[in-house]
Amino acid sequence: DIPGIAARCDVLVIGVKPYLVGGVLAEALPSLKPETVVISIAAGVTLHDLRDAVQGHCHVVRVMPNTPALVGAGVFGIQEDPALPKDVFAMILDLFGLLGSTIVLPEKKFNAFMALVGCGPAYVFHFMDALAEAGVTMGFTRQEALELVTQLVLGSAKLAALPGSHPAILREQVCSPAGVTIAAVNHLDRTAVRGHLIDAVLAAYAKS
């Protein structure tokens, strides 16, 4: 039960749907201790909302994860909070650092992080699925196509992560004059794929 869990925990991670956060914290409230740290990973629930919900009983932290945390490669946005003791904040950074990388953000950038990085894996998987479908169309089995596309994305991400790398330069390096790659990239540009990707992220931002 929620009060029992809250009573036994030093750190309580709230990972329910946003509309349930208030009810969960209301139920946990009698069991929250001054040294308890409540961490919310619920989208759209602000630090102000969390403070109101715990009524000053304990510390609260707002974190936005993404699903690559499941394989230790997550990116975690942690909202800047000058009111949080430095040792508690350091503990939060260390905790989520075990599952990937962390970035401390002011509140005004938190929803933008959510739209770009929190939602981001869905954009990448959508892109990968489309490439795999193209592979199947050209004669690869579905398993072959998925394995090829997965390795393609892994390798490309490693290149992009090299110091001094930039996606635009890396793209240009693949596009030989009058070659097959530039023909494909020109088609992407003519059909405004770049603009649609930008609009998709901005749609998520507007929704947040």
N, C-alpha and C. Protein backbone atom coordinates (compact mmCIF):
# COMPACT_ATOMS: atom_id res chain seq x y z
N ASP A 1 0.86 -1.19 0.00
CA ASP A 1 0.00 0.00 0.00
C ASP A 1 0.89 1.24 0.00
N ILE A 2 0.35 2.34 -0.49
CA ILE A 2 1.16 3.55 -0.67
C ILE A 2 1.70 4.11 0.65
N PRO A 3 0.90 4.25 1.70
CA PRO A 3 1.47 4.76 2.96
C PRO A 3 2.60 3.88 3.49
N GLY A 4 2.44 2.57 3.36
CA GLY A 4 3.47 1.65 3.85
C GLY A 4 4.76 1.78 3.07
N ILE A 5 4.65 1.91 1.75
CA ILE A 5 5.83 2.09 0.91
C ILE A 5 6.52 3.41 1.27
N ALA A 6 5.75 4.47 1.39
CA ALA A 6 6.31 5.79 1.69
C ALA A 6 7.02 5.79 3.04
N ALA A 7 6.49 5.06 4.00
CA ALA A 7 7.08 5.03 5.34
C ALA A 7 8.44 4.33 5.33
N ARG A 8 8.64 3.38 4.39
CA ARG A 8 9.88 2.59 4.36
C ARG A 8 10.94 3.19 3.46
N CYS A 9 10.61 4.23 2.69
CA CYS A 9 11.52 4.74 1.68
C CYS A 9 12.17 6.06 2.07
N ASP A 10 13.46 6.18 1.72
CA ASP A 10 14.14 7.47 1.82
C ASP A 10 13.91 8.27 0.54
N VAL A 11 13.85 7.55 -0.58
CA VAL A 11 13.60 8.17 -1.88
C VAL A 11 12.37 7.51 -2.49
N LEU A 12 11.40 8.31 -2.84
CA LEU A 12 10.14 7.81 -3.37
C LEU A 12 9.96 8.35 -4.80
N VAL A 13 9.99 7.47 -5.78
CA VAL A 13 9.83 7.87 -7.18
C VAL A 13 8.38 7.71 -7.58
N ILE A 14 7.77 8.81 -8.02
CA ILE A 14 6.37 8.79 -8.45
C ILE A 14 6.35 8.60 -9.97
N GLY A 15 5.99 7.40 -10.40
CA GLY A 15 6.02 7.08 -11.83
C GLY A 15 4.65 6.73 -12.39
N VAL A 16 3.61 7.38 -11.89
CA VAL A 16 2.25 7.13 -12.35
C VAL A 16 1.86 8.17 -13.40
N LYS A 17 0.70 8.00 -14.02
CA LYS A 17 0.19 8.98 -14.97
C LYS A 17 0.00 10.33 -14.26
N PRO A 18 0.22 11.43 -14.98
CA PRO A 18 0.17 12.75 -14.33
C PRO A 18 -1.09 13.02 -13.53
N TYR A 19 -2.25 12.57 -14.05
CA TYR A 19 -3.49 12.87 -13.34
C TYR A 19 -3.63 12.10 -12.02
N LEU A 20 -2.77 11.10 -11.81
CA LEU A 20 -2.82 10.31 -10.58
C LEU A 20 -1.84 10.80 -9.51
N VAL A 21 -0.93 11.69 -9.88
CA VAL A 21 0.13 12.10 -8.95
C VAL A 21 -0.44 12.71 -7.68
N GLY A 22 -1.40 13.62 -7.82
CA GLY A 22 -1.98 14.29 -6.65
C GLY A 22 -2.59 13.30 -5.67
N GLY A 23 -3.32 12.32 -6.18
CA GLY A 23 -3.96 11.32 -5.32
C GLY A 23 -2.95 10.43 -4.61
N VAL A 24 -1.90 10.04 -5.35
CA VAL A 24 -0.86 9.19 -4.75
C VAL A 24 -0.15 9.94 -3.62
N LEU A 25 0.19 11.19 -3.86
CA LEU A 25 0.89 11.96 -2.83
C LEU A 25 -0.02 12.27 -1.64
N ALA A 26 -1.30 12.47 -1.90
CA ALA A 26 -2.23 12.70 -0.79
C ALA A 26 -2.30 11.47 0.11
N GLU A 27 -2.25 10.29 -0.51
CA GLU A 27 -2.30 9.04 0.26
C GLU A 27 -1.00 8.81 1.02
N ALA A 28 0.12 9.23 0.39
CA ALA A 28 1.43 9.02 1.01
C ALA A 28 1.74 10.06 2.08
N LEU A 29 1.05 11.18 2.06
CA LEU A 29 1.40 12.34 2.87
C LEU A 29 1.65 12.04 4.35
N PRO A 30 0.78 11.27 5.02
CA PRO A 30 1.01 11.03 6.46
C PRO A 30 2.31 10.29 6.74
N SER A 31 2.84 9.59 5.75
CA SER A 31 4.05 8.78 5.96
C SER A 31 5.33 9.48 5.51
N LEU A 32 5.20 10.65 4.91
CA LEU A 32 6.39 11.36 4.42
C LEU A 32 7.14 11.99 5.59
N LYS A 33 8.47 11.80 5.61
CA LYS A 33 9.32 12.33 6.67
C LYS A 33 10.12 13.52 6.14
N PRO A 34 10.64 14.38 6.99
CA PRO A 34 11.42 15.54 6.52
C PRO A 34 12.60 15.15 5.64
N GLU A 35 13.19 13.97 5.89
CA GLU A 35 14.34 13.55 5.10
C GLU A 35 13.95 12.79 3.82
N THR A 36 12.66 12.53 3.63
CA THR A 36 12.20 11.85 2.42
C THR A 36 12.42 12.75 1.20
N VAL A 37 12.81 12.13 0.09
CA VAL A 37 12.93 12.85 -1.19
C VAL A 37 11.91 12.24 -2.15
N VAL A 38 10.95 13.05 -2.59
CA VAL A 38 9.95 12.60 -3.56
C VAL A 38 10.39 13.07 -4.94
N ILE A 39 10.55 12.11 -5.85
CA ILE A 39 10.96 12.40 -7.22
C ILE A 39 9.80 12.09 -8.15
N SER A 40 9.37 13.07 -8.91
CA SER A 40 8.30 12.85 -9.88
C SER A 40 8.88 12.75 -11.29
N ILE A 41 8.48 11.71 -12.03
CA ILE A 41 8.86 11.60 -13.44
C ILE A 41 7.62 11.75 -14.32
N ALA A 42 6.58 12.36 -13.76
CA ALA A 42 5.32 12.54 -14.49
C ALA A 42 5.38 13.82 -15.32
N ALA A 43 5.09 13.70 -16.60
CA ALA A 43 5.10 14.86 -17.49
C ALA A 43 4.02 15.85 -17.08
N GLY A 44 4.36 17.12 -17.13
CA GLY A 44 3.36 18.16 -16.92
C GLY A 44 3.05 18.48 -15.48
N VAL A 45 3.61 17.74 -14.52
CA VAL A 45 3.39 18.03 -13.11
C VAL A 45 4.55 18.91 -12.66
N THR A 46 4.26 20.17 -12.36
CA THR A 46 5.32 21.14 -12.09
C THR A 46 5.88 20.98 -10.67
N LEU A 47 7.01 21.62 -10.45
CA LEU A 47 7.60 21.64 -9.12
C LEU A 47 6.65 22.31 -8.12
N HIS A 48 5.96 23.35 -8.58
CA HIS A 48 4.97 24.03 -7.73
C HIS A 48 3.86 23.06 -7.34
N ASP A 49 3.39 22.25 -8.30
CA ASP A 49 2.35 21.25 -8.01
C ASP A 49 2.83 20.26 -6.95
N LEU A 50 4.09 19.82 -7.09
CA LEU A 50 4.64 18.84 -6.16
C LEU A 50 4.77 19.42 -4.76
N ARG A 51 5.22 20.66 -4.68
CA ARG A 51 5.36 21.30 -3.37
C ARG A 51 4.01 21.44 -2.68
N ASP A 52 3.01 21.81 -3.47
CA ASP A 52 1.66 21.93 -2.90
C ASP A 52 1.17 20.58 -2.39
N ALA A 53 1.48 19.52 -3.14
CA ALA A 53 0.97 18.19 -2.79
C ALA A 53 1.60 17.65 -1.50
N VAL A 54 2.88 17.94 -1.28
CA VAL A 54 3.53 17.39 -0.06
C VAL A 54 3.41 18.33 1.13
N GLN A 55 2.91 19.54 0.91
CA GLN A 55 2.61 20.48 1.99
C GLN A 55 3.79 20.73 2.93
N GLY A 56 4.99 20.78 2.35
CA GLY A 56 6.17 21.07 3.14
C GLY A 56 6.69 19.91 3.97
N HIS A 57 6.12 18.72 3.81
CA HIS A 57 6.55 17.57 4.61
C HIS A 57 7.96 17.10 4.25
N CYS A 58 8.39 17.29 2.98
CA CYS A 58 9.66 16.72 2.53
C CYS A 58 10.16 17.44 1.29
N HIS A 59 11.33 17.00 0.81
CA HIS A 59 11.90 17.53 -0.42
C HIS A 59 11.18 16.94 -1.64
N VAL A 60 11.09 17.73 -2.72
CA VAL A 60 10.53 17.23 -3.98
C VAL A 60 11.50 17.57 -5.11
N VAL A 61 11.53 16.69 -6.12
CA VAL A 61 12.39 16.86 -7.28
C VAL A 61 11.60 16.48 -8.52
N ARG A 62 11.79 17.25 -9.58
CA ARG A 62 11.12 16.95 -10.85
C ARG A 62 12.17 16.45 -11.86
N VAL A 63 11.92 15.27 -12.41
CA VAL A 63 12.84 14.65 -13.36
C VAL A 63 12.07 14.19 -14.59
N MET A 64 12.64 14.40 -15.77
CA MET A 64 12.06 13.87 -17.00
C MET A 64 13.03 12.86 -17.61
N PRO A 65 12.66 11.57 -17.64
CA PRO A 65 13.53 10.54 -18.22
C PRO A 65 13.15 10.27 -19.68
N ASN A 66 13.90 9.40 -20.31
CA ASN A 66 13.43 8.80 -21.56
C ASN A 66 13.71 7.30 -21.52
N THR A 67 13.08 6.56 -22.42
CA THR A 67 13.08 5.09 -22.30
C THR A 67 14.43 4.41 -22.49
N PRO A 68 15.43 5.00 -23.17
CA PRO A 68 16.73 4.33 -23.20
C PRO A 68 17.36 4.12 -21.82
N ALA A 69 16.78 4.70 -20.79
CA ALA A 69 17.22 4.40 -19.41
C ALA A 69 17.14 2.89 -19.14
N LEU A 70 16.25 2.20 -19.84
CA LEU A 70 16.10 0.76 -19.66
C LEU A 70 17.38 0.01 -19.99
N VAL A 71 18.24 0.59 -20.82
CA VAL A 71 19.50 -0.06 -21.18
C VAL A 71 20.70 0.79 -20.73
N GLY A 72 20.48 1.64 -19.73
CA GLY A 72 21.57 2.43 -19.18
C GLY A 72 22.03 3.57 -20.06
N ALA A 73 21.20 3.96 -21.02
CA ALA A 73 21.58 5.02 -21.95
C ALA A 73 20.54 6.14 -21.98
N GLY A 74 19.90 6.38 -20.84
CA GLY A 74 18.87 7.41 -20.78
C GLY A 74 19.46 8.81 -20.73
N VAL A 75 18.60 9.78 -20.98
CA VAL A 75 18.95 11.18 -20.76
C VAL A 75 17.90 11.73 -19.80
N PHE A 76 18.36 12.29 -18.69
CA PHE A 76 17.45 12.74 -17.64
C PHE A 76 17.56 14.25 -17.47
N GLY A 77 16.44 14.93 -17.67
CA GLY A 77 16.36 16.35 -17.35
C GLY A 77 15.94 16.50 -15.90
N ILE A 78 16.73 17.24 -15.13
CA ILE A 78 16.44 17.45 -13.71
C ILE A 78 16.23 18.95 -13.51
N GLN A 79 15.07 19.30 -12.97
CA GLN A 79 14.76 20.73 -12.86
C GLN A 79 15.60 21.39 -11.79
N GLU A 80 16.16 22.50 -12.17
CA GLU A 80 16.95 23.33 -11.25
C GLU A 80 16.07 23.77 -10.08
N ASP A 81 16.61 23.66 -8.86
CA ASP A 81 15.84 24.04 -7.67
C ASP A 81 16.79 24.53 -6.59
N PRO A 82 17.01 25.85 -6.51
CA PRO A 82 17.93 26.40 -5.51
C PRO A 82 17.53 26.07 -4.08
N ALA A 83 16.25 25.75 -3.86
CA ALA A 83 15.78 25.45 -2.50
C ALA A 83 16.21 24.06 -2.03
N LEU A 84 16.64 23.21 -2.96
CA LEU A 84 17.01 21.84 -2.60
C LEU A 84 18.43 21.81 -2.02
N PRO A 85 18.63 21.18 -0.86
CA PRO A 85 19.98 21.11 -0.29
C PRO A 85 20.97 20.51 -1.29
N LYS A 86 22.19 21.01 -1.27
CA LYS A 86 23.19 20.58 -2.26
C LYS A 86 23.49 19.09 -2.18
N ASP A 87 23.51 18.53 -0.97
CA ASP A 87 23.81 17.10 -0.86
C ASP A 87 22.68 16.25 -1.43
N VAL A 88 21.45 16.70 -1.27
CA VAL A 88 20.31 15.98 -1.86
C VAL A 88 20.37 16.06 -3.38
N PHE A 89 20.67 17.24 -3.90
CA PHE A 89 20.74 17.41 -5.35
C PHE A 89 21.87 16.56 -5.93
N ALA A 90 23.00 16.50 -5.24
CA ALA A 90 24.12 15.67 -5.70
C ALA A 90 23.73 14.20 -5.71
N MET A 91 22.98 13.77 -4.70
CA MET A 91 22.51 12.39 -4.65
C MET A 91 21.61 12.06 -5.84
N ILE A 92 20.71 13.01 -6.21
CA ILE A 92 19.81 12.80 -7.34
C ILE A 92 20.60 12.67 -8.64
N LEU A 93 21.59 13.53 -8.82
CA LEU A 93 22.44 13.45 -10.02
C LEU A 93 23.17 12.12 -10.09
N ASP A 94 23.69 11.66 -8.95
CA ASP A 94 24.39 10.37 -8.92
C ASP A 94 23.45 9.22 -9.21
N LEU A 95 22.26 9.28 -8.63
CA LEU A 95 21.28 8.21 -8.80
C LEU A 95 20.90 8.03 -10.26
N PHE A 96 20.53 9.12 -10.93
CA PHE A 96 20.11 9.00 -12.32
C PHE A 96 21.30 8.87 -13.28
N GLY A 97 22.47 9.30 -12.81
CA GLY A 97 23.67 9.09 -13.61
C GLY A 97 24.00 7.62 -13.80
N LEU A 98 23.52 6.76 -12.91
CA LEU A 98 23.71 5.32 -13.06
C LEU A 98 22.96 4.76 -14.26
N LEU A 99 21.97 5.49 -14.74
CA LEU A 99 21.11 5.01 -15.84
C LEU A 99 21.32 5.78 -17.13
N GLY A 100 22.35 6.63 -17.18
CA GLY A 100 22.59 7.40 -18.40
C GLY A 100 23.24 8.73 -18.06
N SER A 101 22.84 9.77 -18.75
CA SER A 101 23.40 11.10 -18.51
C SER A 101 22.33 12.03 -17.97
N THR A 102 22.77 13.06 -17.25
CA THR A 102 21.84 14.00 -16.64
C THR A 102 22.14 15.42 -17.10
N ILE A 103 21.11 16.23 -17.15
CA ILE A 103 21.27 17.65 -17.45
C ILE A 103 20.35 18.43 -16.53
N VAL A 104 20.87 19.49 -15.92
CA VAL A 104 20.08 20.33 -15.02
C VAL A 104 19.49 21.48 -15.84
N LEU A 105 18.18 21.66 -15.74
CA LEU A 105 17.47 22.62 -16.57
C LEU A 105 16.66 23.60 -15.74
N PRO A 106 16.59 24.86 -16.19
CA PRO A 106 15.64 25.79 -15.56
C PRO A 106 14.22 25.40 -15.96
N GLU A 107 13.27 25.83 -15.19
CA GLU A 107 11.87 25.44 -15.45
C GLU A 107 11.42 25.83 -16.86
N LYS A 108 11.88 26.99 -17.36
CA LYS A 108 11.41 27.46 -18.66
C LYS A 108 11.84 26.56 -19.81
N LYS A 109 12.85 25.70 -19.59
CA LYS A 109 13.30 24.79 -20.65
C LYS A 109 12.80 23.36 -20.45
N PHE A 110 12.07 23.13 -19.37
CA PHE A 110 11.73 21.76 -19.02
C PHE A 110 10.77 21.13 -20.04
N ASN A 111 9.74 21.88 -20.46
CA ASN A 111 8.80 21.33 -21.43
C ASN A 111 9.45 21.12 -22.80
N ALA A 112 10.41 21.99 -23.13
CA ALA A 112 11.13 21.81 -24.40
C ALA A 112 11.96 20.52 -24.36
N PHE A 113 12.59 20.26 -23.22
CA PHE A 113 13.34 19.01 -23.05
C PHE A 113 12.41 17.81 -23.19
N MET A 114 11.24 17.91 -22.59
CA MET A 114 10.27 16.82 -22.66
C MET A 114 9.88 16.53 -24.12
N ALA A 115 9.61 17.59 -24.89
CA ALA A 115 9.17 17.42 -26.28
C ALA A 115 10.29 16.87 -27.16
N LEU A 116 11.54 17.28 -26.89
CA LEU A 116 12.66 16.87 -27.73
C LEU A 116 13.25 15.53 -27.30
N VAL A 117 13.51 15.37 -26.01
CA VAL A 117 14.25 14.20 -25.53
C VAL A 117 13.35 13.16 -24.86
N GLY A 118 12.40 13.64 -24.05
CA GLY A 118 11.47 12.69 -23.42
C GLY A 118 10.66 11.93 -24.46
N CYS A 119 10.16 12.66 -25.46
CA CYS A 119 9.39 12.04 -26.55
C CYS A 119 10.30 11.49 -27.65
N GLY A 120 11.57 11.91 -27.64
CA GLY A 120 12.47 11.65 -28.75
C GLY A 120 12.62 10.20 -29.20
N PRO A 121 12.70 9.23 -28.27
CA PRO A 121 12.83 7.85 -28.73
C PRO A 121 11.71 7.43 -29.70
N ALA A 122 10.50 7.94 -29.50
CA ALA A 122 9.40 7.60 -30.41
C ALA A 122 9.69 8.09 -31.82
N TYR A 123 10.31 9.28 -31.94
CA TYR A 123 10.64 9.80 -33.27
C TYR A 123 11.68 8.90 -33.93
N VAL A 124 12.69 8.50 -33.16
CA VAL A 124 13.76 7.66 -33.71
C VAL A 124 13.21 6.29 -34.12
N PHE A 125 12.37 5.70 -33.27
CA PHE A 125 11.82 4.39 -33.59
C PHE A 125 10.88 4.45 -34.80
N HIS A 126 10.16 5.55 -34.93
CA HIS A 126 9.28 5.75 -36.09
C HIS A 126 10.13 5.78 -37.38
N PHE A 127 11.23 6.50 -37.33
CA PHE A 127 12.16 6.60 -38.44
C PHE A 127 12.76 5.22 -38.75
N MET A 128 13.17 4.50 -37.71
CA MET A 128 13.76 3.18 -37.91
C MET A 128 12.77 2.20 -38.53
N ASP A 129 11.53 2.27 -38.08
CA ASP A 129 10.50 1.37 -38.61
C ASP A 129 10.27 1.64 -40.09
N ALA A 130 10.29 2.93 -40.48
CA ALA A 130 10.11 3.27 -41.89
C ALA A 130 11.27 2.74 -42.74
N LEU A 131 12.50 2.88 -42.23
CA LEU A 131 13.65 2.35 -42.97
C LEU A 131 13.57 0.84 -43.10
N ALA A 132 13.15 0.18 -42.03
CA ALA A 132 13.01 -1.28 -42.10
C ALA A 132 11.96 -1.70 -43.12
N GLU A 133 10.86 -0.94 -43.20
CA GLU A 133 9.83 -1.25 -44.20
C GLU A 133 10.39 -1.12 -45.62
N ALA A 134 11.26 -0.10 -45.81
CA ALA A 134 11.90 0.05 -47.12
C ALA A 134 12.78 -1.17 -47.40
N GLY A 135 13.48 -1.65 -46.39
CA GLY A 135 14.32 -2.82 -46.56
C GLY A 135 13.51 -4.05 -46.95
N VAL A 136 12.38 -4.24 -46.29
CA VAL A 136 11.49 -5.37 -46.62
C VAL A 136 11.00 -5.24 -48.06
N THR A 137 10.66 -4.02 -48.47
CA THR A 137 10.18 -3.77 -49.84
C THR A 137 11.24 -4.15 -50.87
N MET A 138 12.52 -3.97 -50.50
CA MET A 138 13.60 -4.29 -51.43
C MET A 138 14.04 -5.76 -51.36
N GLY A 139 13.44 -6.55 -50.44
CA GLY A 139 13.70 -7.98 -50.45
C GLY A 139 14.34 -8.56 -49.21
N PHE A 140 14.74 -7.73 -48.24
CA PHE A 140 15.26 -8.27 -46.99
C PHE A 140 14.10 -8.86 -46.18
N THR A 141 14.40 -9.88 -45.38
CA THR A 141 13.39 -10.32 -44.43
C THR A 141 13.20 -9.22 -43.39
N ARG A 142 12.09 -9.29 -42.68
CA ARG A 142 11.84 -8.26 -41.68
C ARG A 142 12.92 -8.27 -40.59
N GLN A 143 13.35 -9.46 -40.18
CA GLN A 143 14.39 -9.56 -39.17
C GLN A 143 15.70 -8.98 -39.69
N GLU A 144 16.06 -9.33 -40.92
CA GLU A 144 17.29 -8.77 -41.51
C GLU A 144 17.23 -7.25 -41.57
N ALA A 145 16.09 -6.74 -42.02
CA ALA A 145 15.95 -5.29 -42.16
C ALA A 145 16.08 -4.59 -40.81
N LEU A 146 15.44 -5.15 -39.77
CA LEU A 146 15.51 -4.53 -38.44
C LEU A 146 16.93 -4.56 -37.89
N GLU A 147 17.63 -5.67 -38.08
CA GLU A 147 19.00 -5.77 -37.60
C GLU A 147 19.91 -4.78 -38.33
N LEU A 148 19.74 -4.66 -39.63
CA LEU A 148 20.55 -3.73 -40.41
C LEU A 148 20.29 -2.28 -39.99
N VAL A 149 19.02 -1.93 -39.82
CA VAL A 149 18.68 -0.56 -39.45
C VAL A 149 19.16 -0.24 -38.04
N THR A 150 19.04 -1.20 -37.12
CA THR A 150 19.51 -0.98 -35.76
C THR A 150 21.02 -0.71 -35.73
N GLN A 151 21.78 -1.51 -36.48
CA GLN A 151 23.23 -1.29 -36.54
C GLN A 151 23.56 0.03 -37.24
N LEU A 152 22.77 0.38 -38.23
CA LEU A 152 22.95 1.66 -38.93
C LEU A 152 22.82 2.83 -37.95
N VAL A 153 21.77 2.80 -37.12
CA VAL A 153 21.52 3.90 -36.19
C VAL A 153 22.56 3.91 -35.08
N LEU A 154 22.95 2.73 -34.57
CA LEU A 154 23.98 2.67 -33.54
C LEU A 154 25.30 3.25 -34.04
N GLY A 155 25.72 2.83 -35.22
CA GLY A 155 26.97 3.32 -35.78
C GLY A 155 26.94 4.81 -36.07
N SER A 156 25.81 5.27 -36.60
CA SER A 156 25.68 6.69 -36.93
C SER A 156 25.71 7.55 -35.67
N ALA A 157 25.05 7.07 -34.61
CA ALA A 157 25.05 7.81 -33.34
C ALA A 157 26.46 7.89 -32.76
N LYS A 158 27.25 6.82 -32.89
CA LYS A 158 28.63 6.85 -32.39
C LYS A 158 29.46 7.87 -33.17
N LEU A 159 29.25 7.95 -34.47
CA LEU A 159 29.96 8.96 -35.27
C LEU A 159 29.57 10.37 -34.82
N ALA A 160 28.27 10.57 -34.63
CA ALA A 160 27.77 11.90 -34.24
C ALA A 160 28.28 12.31 -32.87
N ALA A 161 28.61 11.31 -32.02
CA ALA A 161 29.07 11.60 -30.66
C ALA A 161 30.56 11.94 -30.60
N LEU A 162 31.29 11.77 -31.69
CA LEU A 162 32.72 12.08 -31.68
C LEU A 162 32.94 13.58 -31.49
N PRO A 163 33.96 13.96 -30.76
CA PRO A 163 34.25 15.38 -30.56
C PRO A 163 34.42 16.10 -31.90
N GLY A 164 33.78 17.25 -32.03
CA GLY A 164 33.89 18.04 -33.25
C GLY A 164 32.98 17.61 -34.37
N SER A 165 32.22 16.54 -34.18
CA SER A 165 31.31 16.08 -35.23
C SER A 165 30.07 16.96 -35.30
N HIS A 166 29.46 17.00 -36.48
CA HIS A 166 28.19 17.71 -36.66
C HIS A 166 27.37 16.93 -37.68
N PRO A 167 26.07 16.70 -37.42
CA PRO A 167 25.27 15.90 -38.34
C PRO A 167 25.31 16.40 -39.78
N ALA A 168 25.31 17.71 -39.98
CA ALA A 168 25.30 18.24 -41.35
C ALA A 168 26.58 17.86 -42.09
N ILE A 169 27.72 17.94 -41.40
CA ILE A 169 29.00 17.59 -42.04
C ILE A 169 29.06 16.09 -42.30
N LEU A 170 28.61 15.30 -41.33
CA LEU A 170 28.60 13.84 -41.52
C LEU A 170 27.71 13.45 -42.69
N ARG A 171 26.57 14.13 -42.83
CA ARG A 171 25.69 13.86 -43.97
C ARG A 171 26.38 14.18 -45.29
N GLU A 172 27.05 15.33 -45.34
CA GLU A 172 27.73 15.73 -46.56
C GLU A 172 28.82 14.73 -46.96
N GLN A 173 29.46 14.12 -45.96
CA GLN A 173 30.53 13.17 -46.24
C GLN A 173 30.02 11.91 -46.93
N VAL A 174 28.74 11.61 -46.76
CA VAL A 174 28.16 10.43 -47.41
C VAL A 174 27.65 10.75 -48.81
N CYS A 175 27.39 12.04 -49.08
CA CYS A 175 26.75 12.45 -50.33
C CYS A 175 27.78 12.76 -51.42
N SER A 176 28.18 11.74 -52.17
CA SER A 176 29.11 11.94 -53.28
C SER A 176 28.42 12.71 -54.41
N PRO A 177 29.19 13.48 -55.21
CA PRO A 177 28.61 14.20 -56.34
C PRO A 177 27.90 13.26 -57.32
N ALA A 178 26.67 13.60 -57.65
CA ALA A 178 25.85 12.82 -58.60
C ALA A 178 25.63 11.38 -58.14
N GLY A 179 25.75 11.16 -56.83
CA GLY A 179 25.64 9.80 -56.31
C GLY A 179 24.22 9.42 -55.89
N VAL A 180 24.13 8.20 -55.37
CA VAL A 180 22.81 7.69 -54.97
C VAL A 180 22.31 8.37 -53.69
N THR A 181 23.23 8.69 -52.77
CA THR A 181 22.81 9.26 -51.49
C THR A 181 22.23 10.66 -51.65
N ILE A 182 22.88 11.48 -52.49
CA ILE A 182 22.36 12.84 -52.67
C ILE A 182 20.99 12.81 -53.34
N ALA A 183 20.75 11.80 -54.18
CA ALA A 183 19.43 11.67 -54.79
C ALA A 183 18.37 11.42 -53.72
N ALA A 184 18.72 10.55 -52.74
CA ALA A 184 17.78 10.26 -51.65
C ALA A 184 17.59 11.48 -50.75
N VAL A 185 18.68 12.18 -50.42
CA VAL A 185 18.58 13.35 -49.55
C VAL A 185 17.80 14.47 -50.23
N ASN A 186 17.99 14.63 -51.52
CA ASN A 186 17.21 15.64 -52.26
C ASN A 186 15.71 15.33 -52.19
N HIS A 187 15.37 14.05 -52.26
CA HIS A 187 13.95 13.68 -52.15
C HIS A 187 13.41 14.03 -50.76
N LEU A 188 14.21 13.77 -49.72
CA LEU A 188 13.79 14.13 -48.36
C LEU A 188 13.56 15.63 -48.25
N ASP A 189 14.44 16.41 -48.87
CA ASP A 189 14.30 17.87 -48.81
C ASP A 189 13.09 18.36 -49.61
N ARG A 190 12.87 17.76 -50.79
CA ARG A 190 11.71 18.18 -51.61
C ARG A 190 10.40 17.89 -50.90
N THR A 191 10.37 16.82 -50.11
CA THR A 191 9.12 16.44 -49.42
C THR A 191 9.06 16.99 -47.99
N ALA A 192 9.99 17.90 -47.68
CA ALA A 192 9.97 18.66 -46.42
C ALA A 192 10.02 17.77 -45.17
N VAL A 193 10.79 16.67 -45.25
CA VAL A 193 10.90 15.79 -44.09
C VAL A 193 11.50 16.53 -42.89
N ARG A 194 12.51 17.35 -43.14
CA ARG A 194 13.13 18.12 -42.06
C ARG A 194 12.09 19.03 -41.38
N GLY A 195 11.30 19.72 -42.18
CA GLY A 195 10.27 20.61 -41.63
C GLY A 195 9.22 19.85 -40.84
N HIS A 196 8.86 18.65 -41.33
CA HIS A 196 7.86 17.84 -40.61
C HIS A 196 8.41 17.36 -39.27
N LEU A 197 9.69 17.02 -39.22
CA LEU A 197 10.28 16.61 -37.95
C LEU A 197 10.27 17.76 -36.94
N ILE A 198 10.64 18.94 -37.42
CA ILE A 198 10.63 20.11 -36.54
C ILE A 198 9.20 20.38 -36.05
N ASP A 199 8.23 20.30 -36.96
CA ASP A 199 6.83 20.54 -36.59
C ASP A 199 6.33 19.50 -35.59
N ALA A 200 6.80 18.25 -35.73
CA ALA A 200 6.38 17.20 -34.80
C ALA A 200 6.83 17.51 -33.38
N VAL A 201 8.10 17.93 -33.26
CA VAL A 201 8.62 18.28 -31.93
C VAL A 201 7.87 19.49 -31.36
N LEU A 202 7.59 20.48 -32.21
CA LEU A 202 6.87 21.66 -31.74
C LEU A 202 5.43 21.33 -31.36
N ALA A 203 4.83 20.34 -32.05
CA ALA A 203 3.48 19.88 -31.66
C ALA A 203 3.50 19.26 -30.27
N ALA A 204 4.54 18.48 -29.99
CA ALA A 204 4.67 17.90 -28.65
C ALA A 204 4.89 18.99 -27.62
N TYR A 205 5.68 19.99 -27.98
CA TYR A 205 5.95 21.11 -27.07
C TYR A 205 4.66 21.88 -26.76
N ALA A 206 3.85 22.10 -27.80
CA ALA A 206 2.57 22.82 -27.59
C ALA A 206 1.64 22.02 -26.69
N LYS A 207 1.67 20.71 -26.82
CA LYS A 207 0.81 19.84 -26.01
C LYS A 207 1.26 19.80 -24.55
N SER A 208 2.58 19.94 -24.35
CA SER A 208 3.10 19.87 -22.98
C SER A 208 2.73 21.13 -22.19
